[in-house]
Structures are given as structure tokens and as C-alpha cells.
């Protein structure tokens, strides 16, 4: 099997690529235009580089991970997010159509979308299922919802083989410390190393659905093999955990006394109190099950931060 991975230099990509290679996939790992020699340079604003990657990879499956994924970045520059995340996906779809017409081979596209597309759902909608209407509440979520619509429209109009993976929060070593769990781990590791015993936090009451990145990658690989074309699948644990509980577990792991201070700059105005999904459809289609306990994920994240 041959695979093309966009966003291979990112958090999920650096876990997915070795996982695929360990299973015998021939992988073309694509990064951004300036990500270095280890990655094929890919520019989602340039359809020619997309077609060049397809010609080199000759893929059976494309894992489309590349995106601007940090919500505050999207709030600062929405047009760039729409160009990369939504129109970049449209350009990829056009390149795949052209490639398939020339070669007679249609690769499957596994698209890494986001549960952010659901937006603010009523309390009785939880756990969220794929049939829930989307209602994006920020530019990042809107860009992902648009990208989903583009791919599904291309599938219905031109026969693209598409599987949509709506990933909920995922964590693991290597994630940017702009996200909550690695940020907590970084602060605790600095305190354990002798720093000031003060932690700055945002909203601790919000409850979210967290999954280890290795389980997310397993789900993507399973979808590449078993998904029904044109379908959407939640990738989630199926349980909600409060940010306060994550912090409590990290404090137990780090074993350091701290003073926790609320930082208004870390409060997101769009936070919703409870947000979690159902993974029933994914499990039924692929047999996938999460393997890694939340406590093990948190320990791995903290140990990675402490080792830096």
C-alpha cells in the first residue's frame, strides 16, 4: 500500500507516518514549504505542488491532516484559515480528480476534520453523533465544516472516495504547549525543576472528550481500510473529563505543590460546559477501540515535558 500524508510534520503526522511505515506502507510524508528535507514540500495554496505530490506518491490512500489547527490563530486571521483549511482542501480534491482521470486510479481520502464543527449543541444532544447538525462557532470550525462539505460534494459529483474523521480533543507527547494538557505539563515540569510554584490556568470547569493521539492514528488507519465512502465518523473516547480533573491527575503525576491562578487571557469566550461524542459508528464500521488510558497519556505528556 502507498500512502500520501499531508501535514506529516505536525503533531498527528509525526505519529501517523511511523505507524504506517511499521505496517509496510510506502509513505510520502508531506510538510509545509519550509519544513526541511525530511518532508516533501507541499503548499495547499498551489495546486501544482499538490499534483506533483500525487505523481510522486502514486497513493492508494491520502491522509489529509494539513491545517491551521489552533483556534486563537484562526480568530486572528480568519481569511488565511479559510484559504488553507477549506480552499486548500478544495485544491487537493481537484488535484486528486485530475490524477485519477490521468491514471485511472482513485485514492481514498481520509480527512482529519474536527468535532469543533458541532459548535454549541443542546445538552440533550450528548453524546454527539454524526447525525447532529453542524453549527460552527469560530473560523477554525467553519473552515473544517466547509472542507467537509467540499469533499462530500466532490464525492457525490465526481466519485471521490472520501471518509471524514471528526476528531475530538487528542493529546500526547509532541503536541504544542499552546494546547491545555501540554501547557499544564510544561508549567509543572518547570516547577519541578525549581521554578516559581504558580500555575496559570483558564477555565477548569469545562468538560471535554480526550483521546490519546496514538488511538486517533489507529482510527485513521482503520478508516482507510474499512470506512464506507462518503461517511462521517467521530473519533473520540465517548467520555467527558473536566479540565480540573486533568490538572488533578497531572499534579499527582508531578508530585509538586503549586498555587493555581486563573488567567483571564486563557479564558475562551466560546467555551461550552460539556462536550463529548459517541464512537459507536466508528467501532461498528472498523472494530476500532481506544487502547491507551487517559492516565497513561497524561504521564507520557508530563514525562516528555520534564525530559526537555
Protein backbone atom coordinates (compact mmCIF):
# COMPACT_ATOMS: atom_id res chain seq x y z
CA UNK A 1 0.00 0.00 0.00
CA UNK A 2 1.14 3.50 -0.82
CA UNK A 3 0.13 6.50 1.29
CA UNK A 4 0.43 10.26 1.00
CA UNK A 5 0.25 12.18 4.27
CA UNK A 6 -0.31 15.94 4.26
CA UNK A 7 0.66 17.72 7.44
CA UNK A 8 3.19 14.96 8.17
CA UNK A 9 5.39 17.38 10.12
CA UNK A 10 2.59 18.17 12.59
CA UNK A 11 1.58 16.60 15.89
CA UNK A 12 -0.61 13.81 14.47
CA UNK A 13 1.51 13.37 11.34
CA UNK A 14 4.65 12.57 13.29
CA UNK A 15 2.77 9.70 14.95
CA UNK A 16 0.90 8.52 11.84
CA UNK A 17 3.87 8.29 9.46
CA UNK A 18 5.95 5.84 11.54
CA UNK A 19 2.81 3.85 12.31
CA UNK A 20 2.12 3.43 8.59
CA UNK A 21 5.73 2.54 7.79
CA UNK A 22 5.79 -0.06 10.55
CA UNK A 23 2.84 -1.73 8.80
CA UNK A 24 4.65 -1.78 5.47
CA UNK A 25 3.13 1.28 3.80
CA UNK A 26 5.28 3.17 1.32
CA UNK A 27 4.71 6.72 2.64
CA UNK A 28 5.30 10.12 1.10
CA UNK A 29 5.43 12.43 4.13
CA UNK A 30 4.45 15.94 3.06
CA UNK A 31 5.19 19.01 5.16
CA UNK A 32 4.92 22.71 4.56
CA UNK A 33 7.14 24.53 2.06
CA UNK A 34 9.75 25.25 4.76
CA UNK A 35 9.66 22.10 6.91
CA UNK A 36 13.01 20.71 5.78
CA UNK A 37 14.45 17.89 3.71
CA UNK A 38 12.69 15.12 5.65
CA UNK A 39 9.37 16.19 4.10
CA UNK A 40 8.08 16.64 0.58
CA UNK A 41 7.29 20.38 0.34
CA UNK A 42 3.57 20.90 -0.10
CA UNK A 43 1.70 24.19 -0.44
CA UNK A 44 -2.07 23.93 -0.10
CA UNK A 45 -2.44 27.24 -1.93
CA UNK A 46 -0.68 25.84 -5.02
CA UNK A 47 -2.45 23.06 -6.93
CA UNK A 48 0.72 22.29 -8.92
CA UNK A 49 2.58 21.13 -5.80
CA UNK A 50 -0.41 19.01 -4.84
CA UNK A 51 -0.41 17.27 -8.22
CA UNK A 52 3.38 16.83 -8.01
CA UNK A 53 3.00 15.07 -4.65
CA UNK A 54 0.36 12.75 -6.11
CA UNK A 55 2.57 11.92 -9.07
CA UNK A 56 5.48 11.07 -6.76
CA UNK A 57 3.44 9.14 -4.18
CA UNK A 58 1.01 7.30 -6.51
CA UNK A 59 -1.09 6.71 -3.40
CA UNK A 60 -3.77 4.20 -2.57
CA UNK A 61 -4.77 6.42 0.36
CA UNK A 62 -4.31 10.08 1.27
CA UNK A 63 -4.39 11.14 4.90
CA UNK A 64 -5.22 14.84 4.75
CA UNK A 65 -4.04 16.28 8.07
CA UNK A 66 -2.58 19.62 6.98
CA UNK A 67 -4.40 22.58 8.50
CA UNK A 68 -4.13 25.60 10.75
CA UNK A 69 -5.50 23.96 13.89
CA UNK A 70 -5.11 26.41 16.78
CA UNK A 71 -8.39 28.27 17.35
CA UNK A 72 -6.79 31.56 18.55
CA UNK A 73 -4.75 31.66 15.31
CA UNK A 74 -7.99 31.29 13.38
CA UNK A 75 -9.57 34.15 15.30
CA UNK A 76 -6.62 36.40 14.48
CA UNK A 77 -6.58 35.66 10.74
CA UNK A 78 -9.79 34.00 9.54
CA UNK A 79 -9.14 34.54 5.82
CA UNK A 80 -5.85 32.65 5.98
CA UNK A 81 -7.56 29.79 7.80
CA UNK A 82 -10.30 29.61 5.16
CA UNK A 83 -7.68 29.63 2.40
CA UNK A 84 -5.58 26.84 3.92
CA UNK A 85 -8.19 24.64 5.56
CA UNK A 86 -11.18 24.97 3.21
CA UNK A 87 -9.84 26.12 -0.17
CA UNK A 88 -6.67 24.06 0.36
CA UNK A 89 -8.87 21.00 0.69
CA UNK A 90 -10.75 22.00 -2.47
CA UNK A 91 -7.44 22.27 -4.33
CA UNK A 92 -6.42 18.84 -3.08
CA UNK A 93 -9.73 17.40 -4.27
CA UNK A 94 -9.23 18.97 -7.71
CA UNK A 95 -5.71 17.56 -7.90
CA UNK A 96 -7.00 14.10 -6.96
CA UNK A 97 -9.68 14.31 -9.66
CA UNK A 98 -7.05 15.23 -12.24
CA UNK A 99 -4.72 12.48 -11.05
CA UNK A 100 -7.50 9.87 -11.17
CA UNK A 101 -8.52 10.93 -14.68
CA UNK A 102 -4.92 10.55 -15.90
CA UNK A 103 -4.08 7.29 -14.12
CA UNK A 104 -7.40 5.50 -13.73
CA UNK A 105 -6.64 5.15 -10.01
CA UNK A 106 -8.78 6.85 -7.34
CA UNK A 107 -7.09 7.01 -3.93
CA UNK A 108 -9.16 7.13 -0.77
CA UNK A 109 -9.02 10.44 1.14
CA UNK A 110 -9.20 10.20 4.93
CA UNK A 111 -9.87 13.76 6.02
CA UNK A 112 -8.95 14.84 9.53
CA UNK A 113 -11.85 17.10 10.42
CA UNK A 114 -12.76 18.31 13.91
CA UNK A 115 -15.57 17.95 16.41
CA UNK A 116 -15.46 21.75 16.57
CA UNK A 117 -17.87 21.69 13.61
CA UNK A 118 -20.70 20.72 16.01
CA UNK A 119 -20.43 24.04 17.87
CA UNK A 120 -22.84 24.70 20.73
CA UNK A 121 -25.13 21.71 20.92
CA UNK A 122 -28.09 21.41 23.32
CA UNK A 123 -27.45 19.35 26.47
CA UNK A 124 -29.80 16.59 25.33
CA UNK A 125 -27.72 16.08 22.16
CA UNK A 126 -24.85 14.46 24.06
CA UNK A 127 -23.10 12.24 23.33
CA UNK A 128 -22.81 13.87 19.93
CA UNK A 129 -23.45 11.61 16.96
CA UNK A 130 -22.57 12.14 13.33
CA UNK A 131 -26.22 12.92 12.52
CA UNK A 132 -26.10 16.03 14.74
CA UNK A 133 -26.35 19.23 12.68
CA UNK A 134 -23.13 21.21 12.44
CA UNK A 135 -23.09 24.73 13.87
CA UNK A 136 -19.52 26.05 13.80
CA UNK A 137 -18.85 28.77 16.38
CA UNK A 138 -15.43 30.05 15.24
CA UNK A 139 -13.46 30.43 11.99
CA UNK A 140 -11.48 27.22 12.54
CA UNK A 141 -14.67 25.21 12.96
CA UNK A 142 -16.22 26.96 9.95
CA UNK A 143 -13.19 26.11 7.81
CA UNK A 144 -13.43 22.44 8.75
CA UNK A 145 -17.18 22.32 8.13
CA UNK A 146 -16.61 23.91 4.72
CA UNK A 147 -13.85 21.41 3.91
CA UNK A 148 -16.16 18.53 4.82
CA UNK A 149 -18.89 19.92 2.56
CA UNK A 150 -16.43 20.36 -0.30
CA UNK A 151 -15.18 16.78 -0.07
CA UNK A 152 -18.64 15.27 0.25
CA UNK A 153 -19.84 17.38 -2.68
CA UNK A 154 -16.89 16.19 -4.75
CA UNK A 155 -17.65 12.61 -3.74
CA UNK A 156 -21.26 12.90 -4.91
CA UNK A 157 -20.46 14.83 -8.09
CA UNK A 158 -17.21 13.24 -9.23
CA UNK A 159 -16.88 9.95 -7.36
CA UNK A 160 -14.11 10.88 -4.95
CA UNK A 161 -13.56 8.18 -2.32
CA UNK A 162 -13.79 10.16 0.92
CA UNK A 163 -14.02 9.28 4.63
CA UNK A 164 -14.48 12.12 7.13
CA UNK A 165 -12.93 11.68 10.60
CA UNK A 166 -14.31 14.16 13.14
CA UNK A 167 -11.62 14.08 15.79
CA UNK A 168 -12.34 15.31 19.31
CA UNK A 169 -9.53 16.55 21.61
CA UNK A 170 -6.40 14.45 21.34
CA UNK A 171 -3.27 14.53 23.46
CA UNK A 172 0.20 13.03 23.60
CA UNK A 173 3.91 13.83 23.63
CA UNK A 174 4.91 16.31 20.94
CA UNK A 175 1.76 18.42 20.99
CA UNK A 176 2.28 22.18 21.02
CA UNK A 177 2.22 23.66 24.51
CA UNK A 178 -0.34 26.18 23.25
CA UNK A 179 -2.87 23.42 23.98
CA UNK A 180 -4.12 22.84 27.51
CA UNK A 181 -2.59 19.48 28.53
CA UNK A 182 0.98 20.08 27.28
CA UNK A 183 0.77 23.61 28.68
CA UNK A 184 -0.09 22.29 32.13
CA UNK A 185 2.66 19.67 31.82
CA UNK A 186 5.21 22.28 30.79
CA UNK A 187 4.34 24.52 33.74
CA UNK A 188 4.52 21.61 36.19
CA UNK A 189 7.85 20.40 34.78
CA UNK A 190 9.28 23.91 35.21
CA UNK A 191 8.05 23.99 38.82
CA UNK A 192 9.54 20.54 39.49
CA UNK A 193 12.85 21.83 38.14
CA UNK A 194 12.87 24.65 40.72
CA UNK A 195 10.72 27.34 39.14
CA UNK A 196 8.14 29.52 40.83
CA UNK A 197 5.31 27.40 42.22
CA UNK A 198 2.50 29.19 40.43
CA UNK A 199 0.35 27.77 37.62
CA UNK A 200 -1.67 29.97 35.27
CA UNK A 201 -4.89 28.31 34.10
CA UNK A 202 -8.02 29.06 32.15
CA UNK A 203 -11.49 27.54 32.52
CA UNK A 204 -11.13 24.41 34.67
CA UNK A 205 -14.85 23.57 34.71
CA UNK A 206 -15.20 22.74 31.01
CA UNK A 207 -15.58 19.01 30.30
CA UNK A 208 -14.11 17.60 27.10
CA UNK A 209 -13.60 14.28 25.30
CA UNK A 210 -9.87 13.41 25.30
CA UNK A 211 -8.20 10.62 23.33
CA UNK A 212 -4.55 9.61 23.05
CA UNK A 213 -3.04 10.61 19.70
CA UNK A 214 -1.93 7.00 19.13
CA UNK A 215 -5.56 5.89 19.36
CA UNK A 216 -6.51 8.69 16.95
CA UNK A 217 -3.92 7.42 14.46
CA UNK A 218 -5.21 3.86 14.85
CA UNK A 219 -8.69 5.16 14.00
CA UNK A 220 -7.44 6.92 10.86
CA UNK A 221 -5.69 3.76 9.67
CA UNK A 222 -8.82 1.71 10.38
CA UNK A 223 -10.92 4.18 8.38
CA UNK A 224 -8.52 3.94 5.47
CA UNK A 225 -9.25 0.21 5.36
CA UNK A 226 -12.87 -0.12 6.39
CA UNK A 227 -14.80 3.16 6.09
CA UNK A 228 -17.86 3.37 3.87
CA UNK A 229 -17.14 6.00 1.19
CA UNK A 230 -18.86 9.32 1.81
CA UNK A 231 -19.48 8.69 5.51
CA UNK A 232 -18.55 10.72 8.61
CA UNK A 233 -17.10 9.13 11.75
CA UNK A 234 -16.49 10.58 15.21
CA UNK A 235 -13.04 9.79 16.59
CA UNK A 236 -13.41 10.09 20.34
CA UNK A 237 -13.27 8.31 23.68
CA UNK A 238 -17.01 8.64 24.33
CA UNK A 239 -16.46 10.16 27.79
CA UNK A 240 -16.24 13.71 29.13
CA UNK A 241 -13.48 14.68 31.58
CA UNK A 242 -13.18 18.09 33.23
CA UNK A 243 -10.07 20.20 32.76
CA UNK A 244 -9.94 20.35 36.56
CA UNK A 245 -9.65 16.54 36.67
CA UNK A 246 -6.85 16.59 34.08
CA UNK A 247 -4.98 19.09 36.22
CA UNK A 248 -5.57 16.99 39.35
CA UNK A 249 -4.12 13.91 37.68
CA UNK A 250 -1.13 15.84 36.37
CA UNK A 251 -0.47 17.21 39.87
CA UNK A 252 -0.46 13.64 41.19
CA UNK A 253 1.99 12.64 38.47
CA UNK A 254 4.30 15.63 39.00
CA UNK A 255 4.14 15.49 42.83
CA UNK A 256 4.83 19.19 43.30
CA UNK A 257 2.90 21.74 45.42
CA UNK A 258 1.56 24.63 43.36
CA UNK A 259 -0.63 27.69 43.61
CA UNK A 260 -3.24 27.68 40.82
CA UNK A 261 -4.19 31.11 39.47
CA UNK A 262 -6.92 31.87 36.96
CA UNK A 263 -5.63 33.86 33.99
CA UNK A 264 -8.31 35.90 32.16
CA UNK A 265 -6.21 35.73 28.96
CA UNK A 266 -6.66 31.96 28.91
CA UNK A 267 -10.47 32.10 29.07
CA UNK A 268 -12.15 31.39 25.73
CA UNK A 269 -15.46 33.20 25.30
CA UNK A 270 -16.87 30.32 23.23
CA UNK A 271 -16.21 27.63 25.85
CA UNK A 272 -19.15 25.28 26.38
CA UNK A 273 -19.52 23.44 29.69
CA UNK A 274 -19.83 19.88 28.32
CA UNK A 275 -18.65 18.39 25.04
CA UNK A 276 -18.23 14.71 24.18
CA UNK A 277 -19.13 12.31 21.42
CA UNK A 278 -20.23 8.79 20.58
CA UNK A 279 -17.76 6.48 18.83
CA UNK A 280 -20.39 3.79 18.12
CA UNK A 281 -20.33 4.30 14.35
CA UNK A 282 -16.54 4.10 14.14
CA UNK A 283 -16.44 0.97 16.27
CA UNK A 284 -19.17 -0.74 14.24
CA UNK A 285 -17.51 0.05 10.92
CA UNK A 286 -13.91 -0.81 11.81
CA UNK A 287 -13.71 -2.72 15.09
CA UNK A 288 -11.56 0.09 16.49
CA UNK A 289 -11.31 0.52 20.26
CA UNK A 290 -9.20 3.00 22.25
CA UNK A 291 -6.21 1.26 23.85
CA UNK A 292 -4.47 3.89 25.97
CA UNK A 293 -5.86 5.06 29.30
CA UNK A 294 -6.06 8.78 29.98
CA UNK A 295 -3.72 8.47 32.97
CA UNK A 296 -1.08 6.83 30.76
CA UNK A 297 -1.42 9.61 28.17
CA UNK A 298 -1.04 12.29 30.83
CA UNK A 299 2.03 10.59 32.29
CA UNK A 300 3.63 10.37 28.84
CA UNK A 301 2.95 14.05 28.20
CA UNK A 302 4.40 15.09 31.57
CA UNK A 303 7.50 12.90 31.21
CA UNK A 304 8.15 14.30 27.74
CA UNK A 305 7.93 17.85 29.13
CA UNK A 306 10.20 17.01 32.08
CA UNK A 307 12.82 15.49 29.75
CA UNK A 308 13.24 18.66 27.69
